[in-house]
Amino acid sequence: MQEMTAVETSAAVADAVENWIDAFRTHGKTLQLGRSVIWSEDAGVWIRSRPEPEKDGYWNGLGVELTREAIENEIVQVNPPRTGSPPGNNQGVIAKDSAGVMWIMHRGRMNVAGKKVELKDYVEVASSFSIAPTVVRYDNNSSETCFPVAPIGSTWQTVASTRKFVDLCRYLRVGAFEGGEVASLQRSAMGFEEPSGTYTIPPRDSVEAHRLHHDIWQALKAELKRHSIPHTNEKIGLLGPDLYTVDDREPMLFEIKTGNDASSILMAVGQLFVYEKLLVRACRKIMVLPEGIRSSNSDLIGSLGIEIIEFRRKPPSITIDWPIGFFVSRR
């Protein structure tokens, strides 16, 4: 089992906690949801911290759902003691690994519906979230098993790792409330929902998003033209498929999304099936997404009979990664 050394000076603990919160400030925005939280939309996680450390330590609550009262959906707290040791009842620890990297750690105990949940009893589950128990040693030669929350370094890695730990705690919390079957369903949904932080386009860049969509559309048209395949984006009633073929072969129906987050994928799936019905023909349904889609999401989309084509954007050009043999059936 990996080992780390507890950080036991108040200045170093304060720096680590501040850098953790600063990572959220870098990749998020402050919202007032009954209380002030810092919400990272790309990672899909928020942190709520009290402005000053209390007598026994720092207080940090974490969650993934935005509601009027964020505290209602708090999943876990990570509260390091001010001086690092002794931790007492605090569930947070600051530790340093063999490479000198500082880590936010959790001692592995949660209170769920009045009963104790110990992460050490779910090591295999934690492993499936790529979270491994770690021995933390203190100056007084004592040690305990803790679980890594986030490294302090790359700000995006800090926030993304925090989300991963919160997902583990969320899974265990759902299991304690609803049972294993519901927790397993929740786990599947978590994998689908997990944002990648890639191709997130804020509202102020909506014109750029429209331009990117148009550029991808032009690249698709160019390839279909090169293969002499008749195509159009003519509306069907008031609805407008991005692109579909119009020869006497099985029609290909394309839906372009400039993001590969869950909402974009869900929207594309619905559009493809609705447009297929409106075309009154069985279609070869093709989703066009940014490169880097999660394999679990790719498998899910494939199970629905939908093909995926990925594109890469390297301004000013768009590169579409056409699968080998994509046009073979049309020869």
Foldseek 3Di string as FASTA:
>chain_A
DFAWEFQFALVVVVVQVVLLVVLLVVQFDWDQQVHIWTARPQQQKIKDWDPDADQQFTWIWMARDGHSHVVVGTQDIATAGSRQPDNVPGQWTWTAGPVRWIFIKGQAWDQAPNDIDGCVVVQVLCVVLVKHWYWYAYPVRDIGTIITQAIRDPSVRSSNSNSSVSLSSVLVNCCVVPNDVVSVVVNLVCVQQGHDSPLDDDPVCVVVQVVVLVQVLVVVVVVCVVVVFAKDQDALVPHTFSMWTDDPDAIAGEHEDSASGNVRVVVLVVVQVVVCVSVVGDHQAEYEYAPDHDPSVQVVCVVVNYHYWHWYDDPPHIGIDDDPCNCVVVD
